[in-house]
Amino acid sequence: LEAQLDALAERKESVEMRRGKGLMQGVVVSGRPVGEIINKAIENGLFVLSAGTDVLRFVPPLIITEADIDEMAEKLERSF
């Protein structure tokens, strides 16, 4: 999960950085409303939450698989 979110931060200018520990992760977003990204993510079949006005929060279940993370990263990429 950390590697996928770090890669997203490198590819997207609006993602400043990833932060968190273990499976509790967040990405700091700038230049775009977080709500807009959340709405796009929901349209793409991905449920994400905000943590404040500039952070997308990810708290996946402990049984998440690598394939699930890859699918999440693809849907998140489309949401940006």
C-alpha atoms as a PDB file:
ATOM      1  CA  LEU A   1       0.000   0.000   0.000  1.00  0.00           C
ATOM      2  CA  GLU A   2       2.771   2.420   0.922  1.00  0.00           C
ATOM      3  CA  ALA A   3       4.634   1.741  -2.337  1.00  0.00           C
ATOM      4  CA  GLN A   4       1.503   2.310  -4.440  1.00  0.00           C
ATOM      5  CA  LEU A   5       0.689   5.588  -2.671  1.00  0.00           C
ATOM      6  CA  ASP A   6       4.308   6.772  -2.907  1.00  0.00           C
ATOM      7  CA  ALA A   7       4.249   6.053  -6.645  1.00  0.00           C
ATOM      8  CA  LEU A   8       1.000   8.025  -6.968  1.00  0.00           C
ATOM      9  CA  ALA A   9       2.627  10.970  -5.175  1.00  0.00           C
ATOM     10  CA  GLU A  10       5.486  10.891  -7.678  1.00  0.00           C
ATOM     11  CA  ARG A  11       3.147  10.827 -10.708  1.00  0.00           C
ATOM     12  CA  LYS A  12       0.526  13.367  -9.596  1.00  0.00           C
ATOM     13  CA  GLU A  13       1.408  16.989  -8.911  1.00  0.00           C
ATOM     14  CA  SER A  14      -1.689  17.408  -6.748  1.00  0.00           C
ATOM     15  CA  VAL A  15      -0.456  14.718  -4.318  1.00  0.00           C
ATOM     16  CA  GLU A  16       2.141  16.285  -2.055  1.00  0.00           C
ATOM     17  CA  MET A  17       3.060  13.211  -0.010  1.00  0.00           C
ATOM     18  CA  ARG A  18       1.963   9.985   1.631  1.00  0.00           C
ATOM     19  CA  ARG A  19       1.931   9.650   5.375  1.00  0.00           C
ATOM     20  CA  GLY A  20       0.838   7.063   7.874  1.00  0.00           C
ATOM     21  CA  LYS A  21       1.823   3.793   9.509  1.00  0.00           C
ATOM     22  CA  GLY A  22       1.054   0.281   8.395  1.00  0.00           C
ATOM     23  CA  LEU A  23      -2.320   0.060   6.696  1.00  0.00           C
ATOM     24  CA  MET A  24      -3.494   3.405   8.101  1.00  0.00           C
ATOM     25  CA  GLN A  25      -2.383   5.731   5.304  1.00  0.00           C
ATOM     26  CA  GLY A  26      -3.214   9.111   3.856  1.00  0.00           C
ATOM     27  CA  VAL A  27      -2.159  11.281   0.952  1.00  0.00           C
ATOM     28  CA  VAL A  28      -1.944  15.047   1.241  1.00  0.00           C
ATOM     29  CA  VAL A  29      -3.696  16.741  -1.694  1.00  0.00           C
ATOM     30  CA  SER A  30      -3.096  20.299  -2.876  1.00  0.00           C
ATOM     31  CA  GLY A  31      -4.674  22.387  -5.594  1.00  0.00           C
ATOM     32  CA  ARG A  32      -7.877  20.355  -5.753  1.00  0.00           C
ATOM     33  CA  PRO A  33     -10.786  19.897  -3.355  1.00  0.00           C
ATOM     34  CA  VAL A  34     -10.571  16.523  -1.620  1.00  0.00           C
ATOM     35  CA  GLY A  35     -14.356  16.145  -1.958  1.00  0.00           C
ATOM     36  CA  GLU A  36     -14.035  16.251  -5.736  1.00  0.00           C
ATOM     37  CA  ILE A  37     -11.543  13.379  -5.683  1.00  0.00           C
ATOM     38  CA  ILE A  38     -13.702  11.392  -3.258  1.00  0.00           C
ATOM     39  CA  ASN A  39     -16.730  11.771  -5.540  1.00  0.00           C
ATOM     40  CA  LYS A  40     -14.701  10.598  -8.557  1.00  0.00           C
ATOM     41  CA  ALA A  41     -13.340   7.668  -6.540  1.00  0.00           C
ATOM     42  CA  ILE A  42     -16.878   6.606  -5.595  1.00  0.00           C
ATOM     43  CA  GLU A  43     -17.868   6.800  -9.280  1.00  0.00           C
ATOM     44  CA  ASN A  44     -14.914   4.486  -9.990  1.00  0.00           C
ATOM     45  CA  GLY A  45     -16.046   2.018  -7.315  1.00  0.00           C
ATOM     46  CA  LEU A  46     -13.550   3.045  -4.645  1.00  0.00           C
ATOM     47  CA  PHE A  47     -14.652   4.216  -1.206  1.00  0.00           C
ATOM     48  CA  VAL A  48     -12.212   6.643   0.434  1.00  0.00           C
ATOM     49  CA  LEU A  49     -12.607   9.114   3.283  1.00  0.00           C
ATOM     50  CA  SER A  50     -11.186  12.513   4.019  1.00  0.00           C
ATOM     51  CA  ALA A  51      -9.158  13.436   7.050  1.00  0.00           C
ATOM     52  CA  GLY A  52      -9.506  17.174   7.219  1.00  0.00           C
ATOM     53  CA  THR A  53      -9.671  19.389   4.177  1.00  0.00           C
ATOM     54  CA  ASP A  54      -6.576  18.161   2.354  1.00  0.00           C
ATOM     55  CA  VAL A  55      -6.013  14.469   3.133  1.00  0.00           C
ATOM     56  CA  LEU A  56      -7.444  11.322   1.564  1.00  0.00           C
ATOM     57  CA  ARG A  57      -7.514   8.594   4.199  1.00  0.00           C
ATOM     58  CA  PHE A  58      -7.113   4.868   3.554  1.00  0.00           C
ATOM     59  CA  VAL A  59      -7.870   2.293   6.232  1.00  0.00           C
ATOM     60  CA  PRO A  60      -8.268  -1.025   4.418  1.00  0.00           C
ATOM     61  CA  PRO A  61      -9.178  -4.265   6.193  1.00  0.00           C
ATOM     62  CA  LEU A  62      -6.343  -6.417   7.493  1.00  0.00           C
ATOM     63  CA  ILE A  63      -7.271  -9.148   4.987  1.00  0.00           C
ATOM     64  CA  ILE A  64      -6.524  -6.923   1.962  1.00  0.00           C
ATOM     65  CA  THR A  65      -4.501  -8.629  -0.753  1.00  0.00           C
ATOM     66  CA  GLU A  66      -1.841  -7.289  -3.073  1.00  0.00           C
ATOM     67  CA  ALA A  67      -4.321  -7.642  -5.957  1.00  0.00           C
ATOM     68  CA  ASP A  68      -6.825  -5.519  -4.010  1.00  0.00           C
ATOM     69  CA  ILE A  69      -4.180  -2.829  -3.497  1.00  0.00           C
ATOM     70  CA  ASP A  70      -3.295  -2.869  -7.200  1.00  0.00           C
ATOM     71  CA  GLU A  71      -6.988  -2.466  -8.088  1.00  0.00           C
ATOM     72  CA  MET A  72      -7.326   0.376  -5.564  1.00  0.00           C
ATOM     73  CA  ALA A  73      -4.298   2.142  -7.065  1.00  0.00           C
ATOM     74  CA  GLU A  74      -5.757   1.882 -10.578  1.00  0.00           C
ATOM     75  CA  LYS A  75      -9.122   3.300  -9.477  1.00  0.00           C
ATOM     76  CA  LEU A  76      -7.439   6.055  -7.468  1.00  0.00           C
ATOM     77  CA  GLU A  77      -5.289   7.012 -10.452  1.00  0.00           C
ATOM     78  CA  ARG A  78      -8.452   7.448 -12.563  1.00  0.00           C
ATOM     79  CA  SER A  79     -10.018   9.511  -9.787  1.00  0.00           C
ATOM     80  CA  PHE A  80      -7.282  12.126  -9.976  1.00  0.00           C
END
